[in-house]
Amino acid sequence: MRSAVENVMTTDAAIVTAARLMDRHGVKRLPVVDPDGRLAGIVSRRDLINVFLRRDQDIEQEVRGALHGRAGIADLPMWGGA
């Protein structure tokens, strides 16, 4: 059985957009297309879930790395004991 690909997301779409599309249409994977409509990849439910399963320390390290050198922001203490 064949079915048309009706639900795709673009490379600049938000994670929540992908999650809502998957939920609304009962699918576990979505094709991702570039601005020219060419296939750029496939995003799965696991890909989306993994975003939220990161340890706080990993997120803190990424944020500090991104802010490093910006007016001393990376040297400020984190809230909540992180």
PDB file of N, CA and C in Angstrom:
ATOM      1  N   MET A   1       0.842  -1.185   0.000  1.00  0.00           N
ATOM      2  CA  MET A   1       0.000   0.000   0.000  1.00  0.00           C
ATOM      3  C   MET A   1       0.881   1.240   0.000  1.00  0.00           C
ATOM      4  N   ARG A   2       0.536   2.194  -0.787  1.00  0.00           N
ATOM      5  CA  ARG A   2       1.287   3.438  -0.863  1.00  0.00           C
ATOM      6  C   ARG A   2       0.418   4.582  -0.373  1.00  0.00           C
ATOM      7  N   SER A   3       1.092   5.555   0.229  1.00  0.00           N
ATOM      8  CA  SER A   3       0.361   6.752   0.651  1.00  0.00           C
ATOM      9  C   SER A   3       1.227   7.964   0.359  1.00  0.00           C
ATOM     10  N   ALA A   4       0.588   9.059   0.088  1.00  0.00           N
ATOM     11  CA  ALA A   4       1.301  10.294  -0.231  1.00  0.00           C
ATOM     12  C   ALA A   4       1.901  10.890   1.029  1.00  0.00           C
ATOM     13  N   VAL A   5       3.039  11.524   0.860  1.00  0.00           N
ATOM     14  CA  VAL A   5       3.649  12.241   1.977  1.00  0.00           C
ATOM     15  C   VAL A   5       2.963  13.588   2.072  1.00  0.00           C
ATOM     16  N   GLU A   6       2.167  13.725   3.104  1.00  0.00           N
ATOM     17  CA  GLU A   6       1.421  14.963   3.284  1.00  0.00           C
ATOM     18  C   GLU A   6       2.030  15.852   4.347  1.00  0.00           C
ATOM     19  N   ASN A   7       2.751  15.253   5.264  1.00  0.00           N
ATOM     20  CA  ASN A   7       3.249  15.999   6.410  1.00  0.00           C
ATOM     21  C   ASN A   7       4.767  16.006   6.397  1.00  0.00           C
ATOM     22  N   VAL A   8       5.299  17.147   6.101  1.00  0.00           N
ATOM     23  CA  VAL A   8       6.742  17.320   6.121  1.00  0.00           C
ATOM     24  C   VAL A   8       7.051  18.542   6.950  1.00  0.00           C
ATOM     25  N   MET A   9       8.276  18.641   7.402  1.00  0.00           N
ATOM     26  CA  MET A   9       8.695  19.843   8.100  1.00  0.00           C
ATOM     27  C   MET A   9       9.932  20.376   7.410  1.00  0.00           C
ATOM     28  N   THR A  10      10.172  21.659   7.564  1.00  0.00           N
ATOM     29  CA  THR A  10      11.332  22.284   6.946  1.00  0.00           C
ATOM     30  C   THR A  10      12.487  22.308   7.934  1.00  0.00           C
ATOM     31  N   THR A  11      13.685  22.535   7.405  1.00  0.00           N
ATOM     32  CA  THR A  11      14.880  22.507   8.243  1.00  0.00           C
ATOM     33  C   THR A  11      14.878  23.607   9.296  1.00  0.00           C
ATOM     34  N   ASP A  12      14.041  24.623   9.158  1.00  0.00           N
ATOM     35  CA  ASP A  12      14.001  25.703  10.146  1.00  0.00           C
ATOM     36  C   ASP A  12      12.801  25.597  11.096  1.00  0.00           C
ATOM     37  N   ALA A  13      12.085  24.488  11.053  1.00  0.00           N
ATOM     38  CA  ALA A  13      10.906  24.311  11.913  1.00  0.00           C
ATOM     39  C   ALA A  13      11.321  24.056  13.358  1.00  0.00           C
ATOM     40  N   ALA A  14      10.459  24.447  14.276  1.00  0.00           N
ATOM     41  CA  ALA A  14      10.706  24.233  15.702  1.00  0.00           C
ATOM     42  C   ALA A  14      10.398  22.789  16.084  1.00  0.00           C
ATOM     43  N   ILE A  15      11.034  22.338  17.155  1.00  0.00           N
ATOM     44  CA  ILE A  15      10.819  20.983  17.657  1.00  0.00           C
ATOM     45  C   ILE A  15       9.341  20.759  17.985  1.00  0.00           C
ATOM     46  N   VAL A  16       8.721  21.744  18.584  1.00  0.00           N
ATOM     47  CA  VAL A  16       7.314  21.600  18.965  1.00  0.00           C
ATOM     48  C   VAL A  16       6.436  21.423  17.725  1.00  0.00           C
ATOM     49  N   THR A  17       6.808  22.031  16.620  1.00  0.00           N
ATOM     50  CA  THR A  17       6.049  21.869  15.373  1.00  0.00           C
ATOM     51  C   THR A  17       6.074  20.418  14.924  1.00  0.00           C
ATOM     52  N   ALA A  18       7.257  19.804  14.970  1.00  0.00           N
ATOM     53  CA  ALA A  18       7.388  18.395  14.589  1.00  0.00           C
ATOM     54  C   ALA A  18       6.568  17.510  15.512  1.00  0.00           C
ATOM     55  N   ALA A  19       6.646  17.766  16.816  1.00  0.00           N
ATOM     56  CA  ALA A  19       5.906  16.954  17.785  1.00  0.00           C
ATOM     57  C   ALA A  19       4.403  17.054  17.544  1.00  0.00           C
ATOM     58  N   ARG A  20       3.924  18.248  17.272  1.00  0.00           N
ATOM     59  CA  ARG A  20       2.484  18.431  17.040  1.00  0.00           C
ATOM     60  C   ARG A  20       2.038  17.739  15.754  1.00  0.00           C
ATOM     61  N   LEU A  21       2.854  17.827  14.703  1.00  0.00           N
ATOM     62  CA  LEU A  21       2.515  17.138  13.454  1.00  0.00           C
ATOM     63  C   LEU A  21       2.444  15.631  13.666  1.00  0.00           C
ATOM     64  N   MET A  22       3.424  15.082  14.380  1.00  0.00           N
ATOM     65  CA  MET A  22       3.444  13.642  14.629  1.00  0.00           C
ATOM     66  C   MET A  22       2.209  13.218  15.424  1.00  0.00           C
ATOM     67  N   ASP A  23       1.882  13.985  16.446  1.00  0.00           N
ATOM     68  CA  ASP A  23       0.727  13.655  17.281  1.00  0.00           C
ATOM     69  C   ASP A  23      -0.572  13.766  16.490  1.00  0.00           C
ATOM     70  N   ARG A  24      -0.730  14.838  15.755  1.00  0.00           N
ATOM     71  CA  ARG A  24      -1.963  15.086  15.012  1.00  0.00           C
ATOM     72  C   ARG A  24      -2.232  13.998  13.973  1.00  0.00           C
ATOM     73  N   HIS A  25      -1.161  13.504  13.347  1.00  0.00           N
ATOM     74  CA  HIS A  25      -1.342  12.549  12.256  1.00  0.00           C
ATOM     75  C   HIS A  25      -0.978  11.114  12.629  1.00  0.00           C
ATOM     76  N   GLY A  26      -0.619  10.905  13.896  1.00  0.00           N
ATOM     77  CA  GLY A  26      -0.343   9.558  14.368  1.00  0.00           C
ATOM     78  C   GLY A  26       0.840   8.886  13.684  1.00  0.00           C
ATOM     79  N   VAL A  27       1.879   9.661  13.406  1.00  0.00           N
ATOM     80  CA  VAL A  27       3.080   9.103  12.770  1.00  0.00           C
ATOM     81  C   VAL A  27       4.261   9.165  13.727  1.00  0.00           C
ATOM     82  N   LYS A  28       5.258   8.335  13.473  1.00  0.00           N
ATOM     83  CA  LYS A  28       6.440   8.291  14.336  1.00  0.00           C
ATOM     84  C   LYS A  28       7.655   8.950  13.700  1.00  0.00           C
ATOM     85  N   ARG A  29       7.563   9.274  12.416  1.00  0.00           N
ATOM     86  CA  ARG A  29       8.677   9.907  11.712  1.00  0.00           C
ATOM     87  C   ARG A  29       8.137  10.932  10.724  1.00  0.00           C
ATOM     88  N   LEU A  30       8.932  11.973  10.501  1.00  0.00           N
ATOM     89  CA  LEU A  30       8.569  12.990   9.512  1.00  0.00           C
ATOM     90  C   LEU A  30       9.750  13.247   8.587  1.00  0.00           C
ATOM     91  N   PRO A  31       9.490  13.385   7.301  1.00  0.00           N
ATOM     92  CA  PRO A  31      10.566  13.820   6.410  1.00  0.00           C
ATOM     93  C   PRO A  31      10.845  15.305   6.653  1.00  0.00           C
ATOM     94  N   VAL A  32      12.092  15.678   6.517  1.00  0.00           N
ATOM     95  CA  VAL A  32      12.516  17.075   6.669  1.00  0.00           C
ATOM     96  C   VAL A  32      13.052  17.525   5.318  1.00  0.00           C
ATOM     97  N   VAL A  33      12.543  18.632   4.826  1.00  0.00           N
ATOM     98  CA  VAL A  33      12.975  19.132   3.524  1.00  0.00           C
ATOM     99  C   VAL A  33      13.688  20.476   3.662  1.00  0.00           C
ATOM    100  N   ASP A  34      14.598  20.739   2.725  1.00  0.00           N
ATOM    101  CA  ASP A  34      15.302  22.022   2.711  1.00  0.00           C
ATOM    102  C   ASP A  34      14.432  23.052   1.998  1.00  0.00           C
ATOM    103  N   PRO A  35      14.875  24.309   1.917  1.00  0.00           N
ATOM    104  CA  PRO A  35      14.050  25.347   1.287  1.00  0.00           C
ATOM    105  C   PRO A  35      13.676  25.052  -0.172  1.00  0.00           C
ATOM    106  N   ASP A  36      14.447  24.200  -0.848  1.00  0.00           N
ATOM    107  CA  ASP A  36      14.136  23.843  -2.237  1.00  0.00           C
ATOM    108  C   ASP A  36      13.217  22.630  -2.340  1.00  0.00           C
ATOM    109  N   GLY A  37      12.773  22.104  -1.193  1.00  0.00           N
ATOM    110  CA  GLY A  37      11.883  20.969  -1.190  1.00  0.00           C
ATOM    111  C   GLY A  37      12.578  19.625  -1.311  1.00  0.00           C
ATOM    112  N   ARG A  38      13.906  19.622  -1.221  1.00  0.00           N
ATOM    113  CA  ARG A  38      14.662  18.366  -1.294  1.00  0.00           C
ATOM    114  C   ARG A  38      14.766  17.747   0.091  1.00  0.00           C
ATOM    115  N   LEU A  39      14.743  16.423   0.130  1.00  0.00           N
ATOM    116  CA  LEU A  39      14.843  15.714   1.396  1.00  0.00           C
ATOM    117  C   LEU A  39      16.173  16.017   2.073  1.00  0.00           C
ATOM    118  N   ALA A  40      16.098  16.495   3.320  1.00  0.00           N
ATOM    119  CA  ALA A  40      17.301  16.791   4.104  1.00  0.00           C
ATOM    120  C   ALA A  40      17.523  15.725   5.169  1.00  0.00           C
ATOM    121  N   GLY A  41      16.467  14.981   5.522  1.00  0.00           N
ATOM    122  CA  GLY A  41      16.592  13.947   6.540  1.00  0.00           C
ATOM    123  C   GLY A  41      15.231  13.513   7.046  1.00  0.00           C
ATOM    124  N   ILE A  42      15.275  12.716   8.091  1.00  0.00           N
ATOM    125  CA  ILE A  42      14.063  12.210   8.737  1.00  0.00           C
ATOM    126  C   ILE A  42      14.198  12.485  10.227  1.00  0.00           C
ATOM    127  N   VAL A  43      13.149  12.985  10.837  1.00  0.00           N
ATOM    128  CA  VAL A  43      13.153  13.185  12.288  1.00  0.00           C
ATOM    129  C   VAL A  43      12.180  12.177  12.894  1.00  0.00           C
ATOM    130  N   SER A  44      12.616  11.545  13.974  1.00  0.00           N
ATOM    131  CA  SER A  44      11.777  10.537  14.632  1.00  0.00           C
ATOM    132  C   SER A  44      11.307  11.049  15.993  1.00  0.00           C
ATOM    133  N   ARG A  45      10.336  10.332  16.570  1.00  0.00           N
ATOM    134  CA  ARG A  45       9.888  10.683  17.927  1.00  0.00           C
ATOM    135  C   ARG A  45      11.042  10.594  18.904  1.00  0.00           C
ATOM    136  N   ARG A  46      11.903   9.600  18.742  1.00  0.00           N
ATOM    137  CA  ARG A  46      13.061   9.457  19.637  1.00  0.00           C
ATOM    138  C   ARG A  46      13.966  10.691  19.547  1.00  0.00           C
ATOM    139  N   ASP A  47      14.161  11.225  18.338  1.00  0.00           N
ATOM    140  CA  ASP A  47      14.962  12.439  18.183  1.00  0.00           C
ATOM    141  C   ASP A  47      14.389  13.574  19.027  1.00  0.00           C
ATOM    142  N   LEU A  48      13.076  13.706  19.005  1.00  0.00           N
ATOM    143  CA  LEU A  48      12.433  14.785  19.758  1.00  0.00           C
ATOM    144  C   LEU A  48      12.527  14.557  21.256  1.00  0.00           C
ATOM    145  N   ILE A  49      12.315  13.330  21.684  1.00  0.00           N
ATOM    146  CA  ILE A  49      12.368  13.012  23.113  1.00  0.00           C
ATOM    147  C   ILE A  49      13.771  13.222  23.670  1.00  0.00           C
ATOM    148  N   ASN A  50      14.785  12.855  22.890  1.00  0.00           N
ATOM    149  CA  ASN A  50      16.169  12.981  23.360  1.00  0.00           C
ATOM    150  C   ASN A  50      16.541  14.417  23.712  1.00  0.00           C
ATOM    151  N   VAL A  51      15.887  15.380  23.091  1.00  0.00           N
ATOM    152  CA  VAL A  51      16.147  16.785  23.409  1.00  0.00           C
ATOM    153  C   VAL A  51      15.839  17.064  24.876  1.00  0.00           C
ATOM    154  N   PHE A  52      14.809  16.396  25.406  1.00  0.00           N
ATOM    155  CA  PHE A  52      14.368  16.657  26.766  1.00  0.00           C
ATOM    156  C   PHE A  52      14.974  15.713  27.799  1.00  0.00           C
ATOM    157  N   LEU A  53      15.764  14.758  27.363  1.00  0.00           N
ATOM    158  CA  LEU A  53      16.354  13.792  28.278  1.00  0.00           C
ATOM    159  C   LEU A  53      17.790  14.135  28.642  1.00  0.00           C
ATOM    160  N   ARG A  54      18.233  15.315  28.319  1.00  0.00           N
ATOM    161  CA  ARG A  54      19.597  15.725  28.624  1.00  0.00           C
ATOM    162  C   ARG A  54      19.731  16.087  30.094  1.00  0.00           C
ATOM    163  N   ARG A  55      20.887  15.782  30.649  1.00  0.00           N
ATOM    164  CA  ARG A  55      21.141  16.131  32.049  1.00  0.00           C
ATOM    165  C   ARG A  55      21.307  17.645  32.174  1.00  0.00           C
ATOM    166  N   ASP A  56      20.913  18.182  33.327  1.00  0.00           N
ATOM    167  CA  ASP A  56      21.040  19.614  33.575  1.00  0.00           C
ATOM    168  C   ASP A  56      22.483  20.080  33.405  1.00  0.00           C
ATOM    169  N   GLN A  57      23.435  19.266  33.858  1.00  0.00           N
ATOM    170  CA  GLN A  57      24.848  19.635  33.763  1.00  0.00           C
ATOM    171  C   GLN A  57      25.274  19.765  32.295  1.00  0.00           C
ATOM    172  N   ASP A  58      24.753  18.908  31.424  1.00  0.00           N
ATOM    173  CA  ASP A  58      25.087  18.993  30.005  1.00  0.00           C
ATOM    174  C   ASP A  58      24.527  20.265  29.386  1.00  0.00           C
ATOM    175  N   ILE A  59      23.299  20.607  29.767  1.00  0.00           N
ATOM    176  CA  ILE A  59      22.677  21.827  29.259  1.00  0.00           C
ATOM    177  C   ILE A  59      23.446  23.048  29.764  1.00  0.00           C
ATOM    178  N   GLU A  60      23.795  23.038  31.054  1.00  0.00           N
ATOM    179  CA  GLU A  60      24.553  24.151  31.631  1.00  0.00           C
ATOM    180  C   GLU A  60      25.875  24.331  30.902  1.00  0.00           C
ATOM    181  N   GLN A  61      26.569  23.246  30.640  1.00  0.00           N
ATOM    182  CA  GLN A  61      27.861  23.321  29.963  1.00  0.00           C
ATOM    183  C   GLN A  61      27.704  23.892  28.552  1.00  0.00           C
ATOM    184  N   GLU A  62      26.658  23.483  27.848  1.00  0.00           N
ATOM    185  CA  GLU A  62      26.425  24.008  26.504  1.00  0.00           C
ATOM    186  C   GLU A  62      26.123  25.501  26.537  1.00  0.00           C
ATOM    187  N   VAL A  63      25.293  25.918  27.494  1.00  0.00           N
ATOM    188  CA  VAL A  63      24.944  27.341  27.610  1.00  0.00           C
ATOM    189  C   VAL A  63      26.180  28.159  27.964  1.00  0.00           C
ATOM    190  N   ARG A  64      26.956  27.684  28.926  1.00  0.00           N
ATOM    191  CA  ARG A  64      28.169  28.406  29.307  1.00  0.00           C
ATOM    192  C   ARG A  64      29.135  28.501  28.127  1.00  0.00           C
ATOM    193  N   GLY A  65      29.251  27.438  27.348  1.00  0.00           N
ATOM    194  CA  GLY A  65      30.119  27.465  26.171  1.00  0.00           C
ATOM    195  C   GLY A  65      29.648  28.477  25.144  1.00  0.00           C
ATOM    196  N   ALA A  66      28.327  28.554  24.951  1.00  0.00           N
ATOM    197  CA  ALA A  66      27.774  29.501  23.985  1.00  0.00           C
ATOM    198  C   ALA A  66      27.948  30.944  24.439  1.00  0.00           C
ATOM    199  N   LEU A  67      27.913  31.154  25.761  1.00  0.00           N
ATOM    200  CA  LEU A  67      28.018  32.511  26.298  1.00  0.00           C
ATOM    201  C   LEU A  67      29.446  32.918  26.647  1.00  0.00           C
ATOM    202  N   HIS A  68      30.365  31.994  26.565  1.00  0.00           N
ATOM    203  CA  HIS A  68      31.751  32.252  26.968  1.00  0.00           C
ATOM    204  C   HIS A  68      32.285  33.522  26.310  1.00  0.00           C
ATOM    205  N   GLY A  69      32.779  34.393  27.136  1.00  0.00           N
ATOM    206  CA  GLY A  69      33.387  35.623  26.636  1.00  0.00           C
ATOM    207  C   GLY A  69      32.417  36.751  26.353  1.00  0.00           C
ATOM    208  N   ARG A  70      31.135  36.560  26.575  1.00  0.00           N
ATOM    209  CA  ARG A  70      30.166  37.637  26.333  1.00  0.00           C
ATOM    210  C   ARG A  70      29.966  38.431  27.607  1.00  0.00           C
ATOM    211  N   ALA A  71      30.749  39.425  27.805  1.00  0.00           N
ATOM    212  CA  ALA A  71      30.635  40.350  28.946  1.00  0.00           C
ATOM    213  C   ALA A  71      30.652  39.618  30.281  1.00  0.00           C
ATOM    214  N   GLY A  72      31.394  38.541  30.373  1.00  0.00           N
ATOM    215  CA  GLY A  72      31.512  37.823  31.634  1.00  0.00           C
ATOM    216  C   GLY A  72      30.276  37.063  32.048  1.00  0.00           C
ATOM    217  N   ILE A  73      29.328  36.920  31.156  1.00  0.00           N
ATOM    218  CA  ILE A  73      28.068  36.255  31.493  1.00  0.00           C
ATOM    219  C   ILE A  73      28.311  34.818  31.938  1.00  0.00           C
ATOM    220  N   ALA A  74      29.249  34.121  31.308  1.00  0.00           N
ATOM    221  CA  ALA A  74      29.481  32.711  31.620  1.00  0.00           C
ATOM    222  C   ALA A  74      29.991  32.511  33.042  1.00  0.00           C
ATOM    223  N   ASP A  75      30.451  33.597  33.684  1.00  0.00           N
ATOM    224  CA  ASP A  75      30.969  33.477  35.040  1.00  0.00           C
ATOM    225  C   ASP A  75      29.908  33.681  36.111  1.00  0.00           C
ATOM    226  N   LEU A  76      28.698  34.000  35.713  1.00  0.00           N
ATOM    227  CA  LEU A  76      27.635  34.216  36.684  1.00  0.00           C
ATOM    228  C   LEU A  76      27.153  32.881  37.235  1.00  0.00           C
ATOM    229  N   PRO A  77      26.733  32.862  38.515  1.00  0.00           N
ATOM    230  CA  PRO A  77      26.215  31.606  39.084  1.00  0.00           C
ATOM    231  C   PRO A  77      24.878  31.243  38.435  1.00  0.00           C
ATOM    232  N   MET A  78      24.603  29.951  38.368  1.00  0.00           N
ATOM    233  CA  MET A  78      23.330  29.480  37.813  1.00  0.00           C
ATOM    234  C   MET A  78      22.311  29.417  38.945  1.00  0.00           C
ATOM    235  N   TRP A  79      21.030  29.656  38.611  1.00  0.00           N
ATOM    236  CA  TRP A  79      19.957  29.585  39.597  1.00  0.00           C
ATOM    237  C   TRP A  79      19.574  28.140  39.851  1.00  0.00           C
ATOM    238  N   GLY A  80      18.956  27.889  40.968  1.00  0.00           N
ATOM    239  CA  GLY A  80      18.404  26.567  41.258  1.00  0.00           C
ATOM    240  C   GLY A  80      19.425  25.539  41.633  1.00  0.00           C
ATOM    241  N   GLY A  81      20.629  25.937  41.967  1.00  0.00           N
ATOM    242  CA  GLY A  81      21.636  24.989  42.419  1.00  0.00           C
ATOM    243  C   GLY A  81      22.283  24.186  41.326  1.00  0.00           C
ATOM    244  N   ALA A  82      22.071  24.551  40.075  1.00  0.00           N
ATOM    245  CA  ALA A  82      22.673  23.799  38.961  1.00  0.00           C
ATOM    246  C   ALA A  82      24.148  24.043  38.872  1.00  0.00           C
TER     247      ALA A  82
END
